[in-house]
Protein backbone atom coordinates (compact mmCIF):
# COMPACT_ATOMS: atom_id res chain seq x y z
CA UNK A 1 10.36 -21.70 18.74
CA UNK A 2 11.25 -19.98 15.48
CA UNK A 3 8.79 -17.17 14.72
CA UNK A 4 10.35 -16.23 11.37
CA UNK A 5 7.51 -15.57 8.93
CA UNK A 6 9.41 -17.38 6.18
CA UNK A 7 9.34 -20.54 8.28
CA UNK A 8 5.54 -20.27 8.36
CA UNK A 9 5.44 -19.99 4.56
CA UNK A 10 7.74 -23.00 4.25
CA UNK A 11 5.47 -25.07 6.49
CA UNK A 12 2.48 -24.44 4.19
CA UNK A 13 4.26 -24.73 0.85
CA UNK A 14 3.09 -27.41 -1.56
CA UNK A 15 5.37 -29.71 -3.53
CA UNK A 16 8.46 -27.80 -4.81
CA UNK A 17 7.41 -28.54 -8.40
CA UNK A 18 4.04 -26.82 -7.92
CA UNK A 19 3.49 -23.47 -9.62
CA UNK A 20 3.81 -20.40 -7.41
CA UNK A 21 3.98 -17.48 -9.87
CA UNK A 22 2.26 -17.56 -13.26
CA UNK A 23 3.75 -14.95 -15.58
CA UNK A 24 1.46 -14.28 -18.53
CA UNK A 25 3.24 -13.80 -21.83
CA UNK A 26 3.14 -10.62 -23.87
CA UNK A 27 3.07 -10.74 -27.64
CA UNK A 28 5.62 -13.26 -28.85
CA UNK A 29 6.92 -13.86 -25.32
CA UNK A 30 5.46 -17.12 -23.96
CA UNK A 31 4.04 -17.57 -20.50
CA UNK A 32 6.44 -18.61 -17.74
CA UNK A 33 6.02 -20.38 -14.42
CA UNK A 34 8.06 -19.94 -11.26
CA UNK A 35 7.69 -22.97 -9.01
CA UNK A 36 7.76 -23.00 -5.23
CA UNK A 37 11.11 -24.76 -5.37
CA UNK A 38 12.56 -22.14 -7.73
CA UNK A 39 11.32 -19.30 -5.50
CA UNK A 40 12.87 -20.97 -2.44
CA UNK A 41 16.18 -21.38 -4.28
CA UNK A 42 16.14 -17.74 -5.47
CA UNK A 43 15.41 -16.45 -1.99
CA UNK A 44 18.24 -18.58 -0.55
CA UNK A 45 20.71 -17.23 -3.11
CA UNK A 46 19.66 -13.64 -2.34
CA UNK A 47 19.89 -14.25 1.42
CA UNK A 48 23.47 -15.46 0.85
CA UNK A 49 24.20 -12.28 -1.14
CA UNK A 50 22.86 -10.10 1.71
CA UNK A 51 24.94 -11.90 4.32
CA UNK A 52 27.97 -11.60 2.04
CA UNK A 53 27.35 -7.84 1.87
CA UNK A 54 27.67 -7.64 5.65
CA UNK A 55 24.02 -7.84 6.69
CA UNK A 56 23.32 -9.15 10.17
CA UNK A 57 19.92 -9.71 11.78
CA UNK A 58 18.21 -6.40 12.47
CA UNK A 59 19.87 -4.52 9.58
CA UNK A 60 17.69 -2.77 7.02
CA UNK A 61 17.54 -3.57 3.30
CA UNK A 62 15.85 -0.85 1.26
CA UNK A 63 14.28 -1.63 -2.12
CA UNK A 64 12.96 0.67 -4.83
CA UNK A 65 12.43 -1.79 -7.64
CA UNK A 66 9.95 -2.84 -10.31
CA UNK A 67 7.55 -5.70 -9.74
CA UNK A 68 9.46 -8.77 -10.88
CA UNK A 69 9.57 -12.39 -9.67
CA UNK A 70 12.90 -11.58 -8.04
CA UNK A 71 11.25 -8.72 -6.15
CA UNK A 72 9.29 -11.31 -4.20
CA UNK A 73 12.43 -13.45 -3.87
CA UNK A 74 14.26 -10.41 -2.45
CA UNK A 75 11.58 -9.89 0.20
CA UNK A 76 11.70 -13.58 1.15
CA UNK A 77 15.49 -13.48 1.19
CA UNK A 78 15.35 -10.60 3.67
CA UNK A 79 13.03 -12.59 5.93
CA UNK A 80 15.35 -15.60 5.75
CA UNK A 81 18.40 -13.46 6.59
CA UNK A 82 16.63 -11.87 9.54
CA UNK A 83 16.91 -8.33 8.16
CA UNK A 84 14.13 -5.74 7.90
CA UNK A 85 12.72 -5.19 4.42
CA UNK A 86 12.06 -1.52 3.55
CA UNK A 87 10.13 -1.22 0.25
CA UNK A 88 9.70 2.17 -1.40
CA UNK A 89 7.21 3.41 -3.96
CA UNK A 90 8.90 3.43 -7.36
CA UNK A 91 7.60 6.96 -7.96
CA UNK A 92 9.61 8.57 -5.17
CA UNK A 93 12.12 11.19 -6.30
CA UNK A 94 15.59 12.09 -5.03
CA UNK A 95 14.47 14.61 -2.40
CA UNK A 96 12.04 12.07 -0.95
CA UNK A 97 14.66 9.32 -1.01
CA UNK A 98 17.04 11.48 1.03
CA UNK A 99 14.67 11.31 3.99
CA UNK A 100 13.99 7.57 3.74
CA UNK A 101 17.66 6.64 3.46
CA UNK A 102 18.74 9.06 6.17
CA UNK A 103 16.08 7.75 8.53
CA UNK A 104 16.34 4.00 7.92
CA UNK A 105 20.12 3.78 7.59
CA UNK A 106 20.06 0.76 5.23
CA UNK A 107 23.03 -1.59 5.05
CA UNK A 108 21.98 -2.60 1.51
CA UNK A 109 19.95 -0.72 -1.13
CA UNK A 110 18.40 -2.48 -4.13
CA UNK A 111 17.18 -0.27 -6.96
CA UNK A 112 16.48 -0.12 -10.66
CA UNK A 113 19.47 0.18 -12.96
CA UNK A 114 18.81 3.87 -13.69
CA UNK A 115 18.69 4.67 -9.97
CA UNK A 116 22.08 3.23 -9.03
CA UNK A 117 24.09 6.45 -9.21
CA UNK A 118 21.51 8.36 -7.19
CA UNK A 119 21.42 5.76 -4.44
CA UNK A 120 25.21 5.56 -4.23
CA UNK A 121 25.41 9.34 -3.93
CA UNK A 122 22.74 9.45 -1.23
CA UNK A 123 24.26 6.68 0.88
CA UNK A 124 27.94 5.99 0.08
CA UNK A 125 28.24 3.63 3.06
CA UNK A 126 25.57 1.23 1.78
CA UNK A 127 26.09 -1.60 -0.68
CA UNK A 128 23.95 -0.87 -3.74
CA UNK A 129 22.61 -3.63 -6.00
CA UNK A 130 20.41 -3.29 -9.06
CA UNK A 131 17.41 -5.44 -9.90
CA UNK A 132 16.13 -5.66 -13.45
CA UNK A 133 14.40 -8.06 -15.82
CA UNK A 134 17.84 -9.49 -16.71
CA UNK A 135 18.64 -9.92 -13.01
CA UNK A 136 20.77 -6.80 -12.56
CA UNK A 137 23.79 -6.95 -10.26
CA UNK A 138 21.72 -8.63 -7.55
CA UNK A 139 20.76 -11.40 -9.94
CA UNK A 140 24.35 -11.79 -11.11
CA UNK A 141 25.56 -12.03 -7.53
CA UNK A 142 22.82 -14.48 -6.62
CA UNK A 143 23.69 -16.85 -9.45
CA UNK A 144 27.12 -17.35 -7.89
CA UNK A 145 25.62 -18.31 -4.51
CA UNK A 146 24.37 -21.59 -3.08
CA UNK A 147 20.70 -22.57 -3.26
CA UNK A 148 20.72 -23.44 0.43
CA UNK A 149 20.37 -21.06 3.35
CA UNK A 150 19.59 -21.78 6.99
CA UNK A 151 16.75 -19.38 7.78
CA UNK A 152 17.67 -17.16 10.74
CA UNK A 153 15.64 -17.86 13.86
CA UNK A 154 13.49 -14.86 14.83
CA UNK A 155 11.43 -13.99 17.88
CA UNK A 156 7.81 -12.84 17.41
CA UNK A 157 8.71 -9.26 18.36
CA UNK A 158 11.67 -9.04 15.96
CA UNK A 159 11.42 -6.56 13.12
CA UNK A 160 10.41 -7.96 9.72
CA UNK A 161 9.78 -4.77 7.75
CA UNK A 162 9.57 -1.00 7.88
CA UNK A 163 6.98 0.70 5.70
CA UNK A 164 6.93 4.47 5.40
CA UNK A 165 3.65 6.25 5.81
CA UNK A 166 2.68 9.91 5.87
CA UNK A 167 2.72 11.79 9.16
CA UNK A 168 0.88 14.71 10.64
CA UNK A 169 3.61 17.13 9.58
CA UNK A 170 4.01 15.73 6.10
CA UNK A 171 7.21 13.95 7.13
CA UNK A 172 7.00 10.24 6.40
CA UNK A 173 7.27 7.92 9.38
CA UNK A 174 8.61 4.37 9.32
CA UNK A 175 6.04 1.92 10.68
CA UNK A 176 7.85 -1.04 12.25
CA UNK A 177 6.18 -4.38 11.54
CA UNK A 178 7.20 -7.52 13.38
CA UNK A 179 7.08 -11.17 12.42
CA UNK A 180 4.16 -11.57 14.85
CA UNK A 181 2.26 -8.65 13.26
CA UNK A 182 2.56 -10.08 9.77
CA UNK A 183 2.06 -13.76 10.65
CA UNK A 184 -1.05 -13.30 12.79
CA UNK A 185 -2.69 -10.98 10.28
CA UNK A 186 -1.98 -13.30 7.36
CA UNK A 187 -3.34 -16.28 9.30
CA UNK A 188 -6.54 -14.38 10.07
CA UNK A 189 -7.02 -13.35 6.44
CA UNK A 190 -6.42 -16.85 5.03
CA UNK A 191 -9.13 -18.17 7.34
CA UNK A 192 -11.51 -15.23 6.82
CA UNK A 193 -11.32 -15.40 3.03
CA UNK A 194 -11.11 -19.18 2.66
CA UNK A 195 -7.77 -19.42 0.85
CA UNK A 196 -6.61 -22.92 -0.15
CA UNK A 197 -3.99 -24.50 -2.44
CA UNK A 198 -6.67 -24.64 -5.09
CA UNK A 199 -6.80 -20.85 -5.40
CA UNK A 200 -5.20 -18.66 -8.04
CA UNK A 201 -4.87 -15.03 -7.01
CA UNK A 202 -4.83 -12.43 -9.77
CA UNK A 203 -2.11 -10.08 -8.50
CA UNK A 204 -1.96 -6.74 -10.34
CA UNK A 205 -1.13 -4.60 -7.29
CA UNK A 206 2.22 -2.93 -6.60
CA UNK A 207 4.35 -4.72 -4.01
CA UNK A 208 5.72 -1.73 -2.13
CA UNK A 209 2.80 -1.34 0.27
CA UNK A 210 0.72 -3.40 2.69
CA UNK A 211 -2.05 -4.32 0.27
CA UNK A 212 0.05 -5.78 -2.52
CA UNK A 213 2.88 -7.27 -0.45
CA UNK A 214 1.46 -8.29 2.91
CA UNK A 215 -2.22 -8.87 2.20
CA UNK A 216 -2.13 -10.36 -1.28
CA UNK A 217 1.21 -12.18 -1.29
CA UNK A 218 0.90 -13.43 2.27
CA UNK A 219 -2.52 -14.97 1.65
CA UNK A 220 -1.08 -16.94 -1.26
CA UNK A 221 2.19 -17.88 0.45
CA UNK A 222 0.50 -19.01 3.64
CA UNK A 223 -2.05 -21.16 1.83
CA UNK A 224 0.09 -22.62 -0.94
CA UNK A 225 -1.97 -20.86 -3.62
CA UNK A 226 -0.76 -19.62 -7.00
CA UNK A 227 -0.45 -16.00 -8.15
CA UNK A 228 -1.04 -14.62 -11.62
CA UNK A 229 1.81 -12.11 -11.39
CA UNK A 230 1.13 -8.95 -13.40
CA UNK A 231 3.60 -6.01 -13.42
CA UNK A 232 0.71 -3.52 -13.37
CA UNK A 233 -3.04 -3.25 -13.73
CA UNK A 234 -4.47 -3.08 -17.25
CA UNK A 235 -8.24 -3.51 -17.45
CA UNK A 236 -8.22 -5.28 -20.82
CA UNK A 237 -5.49 -7.72 -19.76
CA UNK A 238 -7.09 -8.37 -16.39
CA UNK A 239 -10.49 -9.06 -17.96
CA UNK A 240 -8.85 -11.57 -20.30
CA UNK A 241 -7.03 -13.33 -17.44
CA UNK A 242 -9.93 -13.53 -14.99
CA UNK A 243 -11.04 -16.98 -16.22
CA UNK A 244 -7.66 -18.32 -15.00
CA UNK A 245 -8.15 -16.93 -11.47
CA UNK A 246 -10.33 -17.65 -8.44
CA UNK A 247 -9.60 -14.51 -6.38
CA UNK A 248 -8.80 -10.91 -7.28
CA UNK A 249 -7.64 -8.14 -4.96
CA UNK A 250 -7.65 -4.51 -5.97
CA UNK A 251 -8.19 -0.90 -5.07
CA UNK A 252 -11.47 0.81 -6.03
CA UNK A 253 -9.81 2.27 -9.13
CA UNK A 254 -9.31 -1.28 -10.48
CA UNK A 255 -13.03 -1.96 -10.25
CA UNK A 256 -14.16 1.32 -11.81
CA UNK A 257 -11.81 0.67 -14.74
CA UNK A 258 -13.02 -2.91 -15.12
CA UNK A 259 -16.60 -1.65 -15.26
CA UNK A 260 -15.56 0.66 -18.11
CA UNK A 261 -13.96 -2.25 -19.99
CA UNK A 262 -16.35 -3.80 -22.59
CA UNK A 263 -14.76 -7.25 -22.31
CA UNK A 264 -15.45 -7.38 -18.57
CA UNK A 265 -18.66 -9.39 -18.64
CA UNK A 266 -20.55 -11.65 -16.28
CA UNK A 267 -19.06 -14.62 -18.12
CA UNK A 268 -15.51 -13.30 -17.67
CA UNK A 269 -16.04 -13.02 -13.90
CA UNK A 270 -17.93 -16.24 -13.30
CA UNK A 271 -14.82 -18.29 -12.46
CA UNK A 272 -13.92 -16.10 -9.49
CA UNK A 273 -15.17 -16.91 -6.03
CA UNK A 274 -14.04 -13.62 -4.48
CA UNK A 275 -13.31 -9.99 -5.34
CA UNK A 276 -11.65 -7.99 -2.56
CA UNK A 277 -11.29 -4.20 -2.41
CA UNK A 278 -9.28 -2.02 -0.06
CA UNK A 279 -6.74 0.81 0.41
CA UNK A 280 -9.47 3.42 -0.24
CA UNK A 281 -13.25 3.68 0.21
CA UNK A 282 -15.35 1.84 -2.36
CA UNK A 283 -18.20 4.02 -3.56
CA UNK A 284 -21.67 2.45 -3.05
CA UNK A 285 -22.36 3.17 -6.73
CA UNK A 286 -19.34 1.07 -7.74
CA UNK A 287 -20.48 -1.71 -5.40
CA UNK A 288 -23.95 -1.73 -6.95
CA UNK A 289 -22.73 -1.47 -10.55
CA UNK A 290 -20.32 -4.35 -10.02
CA UNK A 291 -23.02 -6.57 -8.58
CA UNK A 292 -25.34 -5.71 -11.47
CA UNK A 293 -22.62 -6.59 -14.00
CA UNK A 294 -21.28 -9.79 -12.40
CA UNK A 295 -23.85 -10.99 -9.90
CA UNK A 296 -21.14 -10.82 -7.22
CA UNK A 297 -20.66 -8.47 -4.28
CA UNK A 298 -17.19 -7.05 -3.74
CA UNK A 299 -15.78 -7.82 -0.29
CA UNK A 300 -14.50 -4.59 1.27
CA UNK A 301 -12.09 -4.59 4.19
CA UNK A 302 -10.29 -1.98 6.28
CA UNK A 303 -6.66 -1.71 7.25
CA UNK A 304 -3.66 0.56 7.33
CA UNK A 305 0.11 0.41 7.26
CA UNK A 306 0.44 0.41 11.05
CA UNK A 307 -2.03 -2.40 11.66
CA UNK A 308 -2.43 -4.55 8.59
CA UNK A 309 -6.07 -5.54 8.19
CA UNK A 310 -8.50 -4.75 10.99
CA UNK A 311 -11.94 -5.64 9.64
CA UNK A 312 -13.51 -7.49 6.75
CA UNK A 313 -16.94 -8.02 5.34
CA UNK A 314 -17.72 -11.74 5.63
CA UNK A 315 -16.93 -14.39 3.06
CA UNK A 316 -20.20 -16.09 3.92
CA UNK A 317 -22.79 -13.61 5.04
CA UNK A 318 -24.05 -10.16 4.11
CA UNK A 319 -21.56 -7.78 2.52
CA UNK A 320 -22.96 -4.33 3.12
CA UNK A 321 -22.14 -1.49 0.74
CA UNK A 322 -20.41 1.43 2.44
CA UNK A 323 -19.15 -0.72 5.33
CA UNK A 324 -15.91 -2.60 6.00
CA UNK A 325 -17.40 -5.38 8.10
CA UNK A 326 -16.78 -6.51 11.69
CA UNK A 327 -13.34 -6.83 13.32
CA UNK A 328 -11.20 -9.80 12.31
CA UNK A 329 -10.68 -12.54 14.94
CA UNK A 330 -8.13 -11.38 17.53
CA UNK A 331 -8.63 -7.70 16.67
CA UNK A 332 -10.43 -5.36 19.06
CA UNK A 333 -11.91 -2.14 17.73
CA UNK A 334 -13.55 0.64 19.66
CA UNK A 335 -15.08 3.87 18.42
CA UNK A 336 -14.85 6.66 20.95
CA UNK A 337 -15.95 10.28 21.34
CA UNK A 338 -13.66 13.20 22.17
CA UNK A 339 -13.76 12.24 25.85
CA UNK A 340 -12.73 8.66 25.10
CA UNK A 341 -16.16 7.18 25.86
CA UNK A 342 -17.52 4.39 23.59
CA UNK A 343 -19.91 5.56 20.89
CA UNK A 344 -23.33 4.00 20.43
CA UNK A 345 -24.26 2.56 17.00
CA UNK A 346 -24.80 5.41 14.58
CA UNK A 347 -22.68 7.89 16.53
CA UNK A 348 -19.43 9.03 14.88
CA UNK A 349 -16.15 8.81 16.73
CA UNK A 350 -12.47 8.04 16.44
CA UNK A 351 -11.48 4.46 15.55
CA UNK A 352 -8.96 2.78 17.87
CA UNK A 353 -7.45 -0.69 17.33
CA UNK A 354 -5.72 -3.25 19.52
CA UNK A 355 -4.42 -6.72 18.67
CA UNK A 356 -1.39 -8.77 17.60
CA UNK A 357 -1.63 -7.11 14.19
CA UNK A 358 -0.88 -3.64 15.57
CA UNK A 359 2.67 -2.38 15.08
CA UNK A 360 4.94 -1.60 18.06
CA UNK A 361 5.71 1.92 16.89
CA UNK A 362 7.48 4.25 14.49
CA UNK A 363 11.16 3.85 13.66
CA UNK A 364 13.30 6.38 15.56
CA UNK A 365 10.19 8.22 16.84
CA UNK A 366 9.49 7.10 20.41
CA UNK A 367 7.63 10.32 21.32
CA UNK A 368 5.37 10.05 18.28
CA UNK A 369 4.73 6.39 19.08
CA UNK A 370 3.63 7.23 22.62
CA UNK A 371 1.37 9.97 21.29
CA UNK A 372 -0.46 7.61 18.95
CA UNK A 373 -1.30 4.98 21.59
CA UNK A 374 -3.76 5.22 24.46
CA UNK A 375 -2.81 4.40 28.04
CA UNK A 376 -4.44 0.98 27.70
CA UNK A 377 -2.63 0.11 24.48
CA UNK A 378 -5.07 1.03 21.70
CA UNK A 379 -3.70 2.61 18.51
CA UNK A 380 -5.43 5.81 17.45
CA UNK A 381 -5.96 5.31 13.71
CA UNK A 382 -6.97 8.89 12.93
CA UNK A 383 -9.98 7.54 11.04
CA UNK A 384 -13.54 8.47 11.98
CA UNK A 385 -16.29 5.89 11.88
CA UNK A 386 -19.43 4.45 13.37
CA UNK A 387 -20.93 1.06 14.22
CA UNK A 388 -23.87 -0.15 12.18
CA UNK A 389 -26.68 -2.06 13.83
CA UNK A 390 -25.18 -5.22 12.32
CA UNK A 391 -21.91 -4.68 14.21
CA UNK A 392 -20.05 -3.57 11.08
CA UNK A 393 -17.65 -0.64 10.98
CA UNK A 394 -18.47 2.23 8.65
CA UNK A 395 -15.67 4.67 7.83
CA UNK A 396 -16.92 8.24 7.48
CA UNK A 397 -13.73 10.23 7.14
CA UNK A 398 -10.18 10.81 8.25
CA UNK A 399 -9.27 13.05 11.11
CA UNK A 400 -5.71 13.37 9.84
CA UNK A 401 -6.63 15.05 6.56
CA UNK A 402 -5.06 12.29 4.47
CA UNK A 403 -5.85 11.96 0.78
CA UNK A 404 -6.06 8.46 -0.68
CA UNK A 405 -5.76 8.52 -4.46
CA UNK A 406 -5.74 5.27 -6.41
CA UNK A 407 -5.06 3.42 -3.15
CA UNK A 408 -1.95 5.51 -2.35
CA UNK A 409 -1.62 7.86 0.62
CA UNK A 410 -0.90 11.54 0.09
CA UNK A 411 -0.41 14.02 2.91
CA UNK A 412 -1.30 17.58 1.82
CA UNK A 413 1.32 19.32 3.95
CA UNK A 414 4.19 17.92 1.90
CA UNK A 415 2.72 19.22 -1.36
CA UNK A 416 1.71 22.56 0.16
CA UNK A 417 5.29 23.17 1.25
CA UNK A 418 6.52 22.52 -2.29
CA UNK A 419 3.92 24.83 -3.82
CA UNK A 420 4.54 27.58 -1.24
CA UNK A 421 8.24 27.55 -2.16
CA UNK A 422 7.50 28.38 -5.82
CA UNK A 423 8.16 31.97 -6.98
CA UNK A 424 4.99 34.01 -6.98
CA UNK A 425 3.06 31.85 -4.51
CA UNK A 426 1.70 33.52 -1.38
CA UNK A 427 0.16 30.39 0.13
CA UNK A 428 -1.64 27.22 -0.88
CA UNK A 429 -3.93 24.47 0.27
CA UNK A 430 -4.16 20.91 -1.04
CA UNK A 431 -7.31 18.82 -0.73
CA UNK A 432 -8.77 15.60 -2.06
CA UNK A 433 -11.97 15.74 -4.06
CA UNK A 434 -14.17 12.84 -5.21
CA UNK A 435 -13.02 11.17 -8.40
CA UNK A 436 -14.74 8.27 -10.16
CA UNK A 437 -11.45 6.70 -11.22
CA UNK A 438 -9.01 7.37 -8.38
CA UNK A 439 -11.48 7.60 -5.49
CA UNK A 440 -9.97 10.96 -4.61
CA UNK A 441 -8.02 13.36 -6.81
CA UNK A 442 -5.35 15.70 -5.48
CA UNK A 443 -6.26 19.34 -6.08
CA UNK A 444 -4.18 22.44 -5.30
CA UNK A 445 -5.67 25.83 -4.44
CA UNK A 446 -3.17 28.69 -4.75
CA UNK A 447 -3.07 32.34 -3.69
CA UNK A 448 -0.66 34.18 -5.97
CA UNK A 449 1.37 37.31 -5.34
CA UNK A 450 0.71 40.46 -7.29
CA UNK A 451 2.87 40.87 -10.35
CA UNK A 452 3.56 37.18 -10.88
CA UNK A 453 2.13 35.26 -13.83
CA UNK A 454 1.28 31.91 -12.30
CA UNK A 455 -0.60 29.32 -14.30
CA UNK A 456 -1.97 25.88 -13.62
CA UNK A 457 0.49 24.43 -16.11
CA UNK A 458 3.51 26.14 -14.55
CA UNK A 459 2.68 24.95 -11.02
CA UNK A 460 2.15 21.36 -12.13
CA UNK A 461 5.31 21.39 -14.24
CA UNK A 462 7.35 22.68 -11.31
CA UNK A 463 6.17 19.84 -9.09
CA UNK A 464 6.89 17.07 -11.58
CA UNK A 465 10.28 15.54 -10.89
CA UNK A 466 10.21 16.90 -7.35
CA UNK A 467 7.59 14.55 -5.95
CA UNK A 468 6.06 11.24 -6.99
CA UNK A 469 3.60 11.58 -9.86
CA UNK A 470 0.65 10.35 -7.78
CA UNK A 471 1.18 13.32 -5.43
CA UNK A 472 1.15 15.94 -8.20
CA UNK A 473 -2.22 17.76 -8.24
CA UNK A 474 -4.58 16.77 -11.03
CA UNK A 475 -5.84 20.37 -11.06
CA UNK A 476 -4.65 23.71 -9.69
CA UNK A 477 -7.06 26.55 -9.03
CA UNK A 478 -6.31 30.16 -8.11
CA UNK A 479 -8.15 32.21 -5.48
CA UNK A 480 -7.74 35.66 -3.93
CA UNK A 481 -7.63 34.21 -0.41
CA UNK A 482 -8.14 30.92 1.42
CA UNK A 483 -11.23 30.55 3.61
CA UNK A 484 -10.40 30.49 7.33
CA UNK A 485 -12.29 29.98 10.57
CA UNK A 486 -12.18 32.28 13.59
CA UNK A 487 -8.97 30.62 14.76
CA UNK A 488 -7.27 31.26 11.43
CA UNK A 489 -7.27 27.62 10.29
CA UNK A 490 -7.86 27.00 6.60
CA UNK A 491 -11.33 25.53 6.09
CA UNK A 492 -10.48 22.63 3.82
CA UNK A 493 -14.03 21.29 3.94
CA UNK A 494 -15.14 24.51 2.24
CA UNK A 495 -12.46 24.09 -0.43
CA UNK A 496 -13.37 20.46 -1.06
CA UNK A 497 -17.00 21.39 -1.57
CA UNK A 498 -16.20 24.39 -3.75
CA UNK A 499 -13.81 22.63 -6.12
CA UNK A 500 -15.19 19.08 -6.17
CA UNK A 501 -17.15 19.80 -9.35
CA UNK A 502 -14.25 21.45 -11.15
CA UNK A 503 -11.96 18.44 -11.39
CA UNK A 504 -13.49 17.29 -14.66
CA UNK A 505 -13.71 20.77 -16.19
CA UNK A 506 -11.50 22.32 -18.89
CA UNK A 507 -7.88 22.82 -18.00
CA UNK A 508 -4.79 24.39 -19.40
CA UNK A 509 -2.35 22.33 -21.42
CA UNK A 510 0.49 21.00 -19.32
């Protein structure tokens, strides 16, 4: 039996003439519609392009592209061709791309027009296409191809995608996701959240990570629903479009910005049956303020790159602020102490997950994969949590020191290494501090060397262009020394507490 995820989408697709993507117009540009039939034809053409470029099942296709209708068609074309899709954050810079390309070994790279020369220099052996609003070279090549393509048969365990996530050393790891991982998780979410062909999902998320691509898109594609396809989140635009939608998915930052938008009223939100939040913790204050404004409770869920979604507050039933709900059907979660014994409700421990949603491991890192799994097959998430009396999971922190800012993962070690390499820097520490807009803000704490004139502005300026903008610290503070425990480890909890109130203070011009 064919386990290709695209085949599952095809089985649930409505009439080919039905709308799939709704593209709101801007200014004098009218609204456009991409039908299910058009999307199928585009994905077939792109699959033919990939095969023509030498791709065979199991090859990797890497994409660093803007959010366009053809971005979704590219992903579907990869599924149809049996190759692994490797999306990259559009903010990644050359030095970051070197690692991803060197690790994944893509047969084809698709990028924005202005990135073509860089990609060709980094991987001369790959075929490089561009994707742009006018189609780019990928679009031009696709137009010359047939609108038919026999979807490649895949086994459940075959690779569908590789998504890069931060690692314990700051070096990004490629999480391998199979057709079974993605299909079972999507099926569980469609059922849990009640998706039908009558739904319209307001989609303002990026499509280079799990939330925007696999959670949002898959729910729509597996239910035959429509998507209001927005290139980015804008609170004013989203508030105006809400009456056309039935479901919205977002990160906490979306909801804090909506609450600050005057046009976001109870009337604007009354057409929606569901608001979903994830990728970062939703503050209880945001949960309460949203309910007061709209009369609706945001549904918070919990997942990660390696597992997809693990838990969800219920569609019908109590949604508890500060919790992420019970495990999804088919997912087993346990919370254990340092000795591996199950924790009682209220006791904090490490969260471990097992189920068909859990990835098989990290690309090219068998030792790291073995390290992250228990002997009985549970994945150690690195998150700390507890059970509530209701059987809901409550996340209390992250053992791996990850920062989640605006729904995007940042590992401090990577930034610390960049700061430490700057002239005049003795050492540094990077932490996340609470932020009303981003959930957490990246903050750098620097120890300078005598005789060097370091400033906040100079450190930030040096990092820009070297790393993605979301990784660049919002603030940089200078100290004589970093606090350490008796073992010499930097006490980041002390730094977080000390500088959490300074994020909104005056700063130097940058």
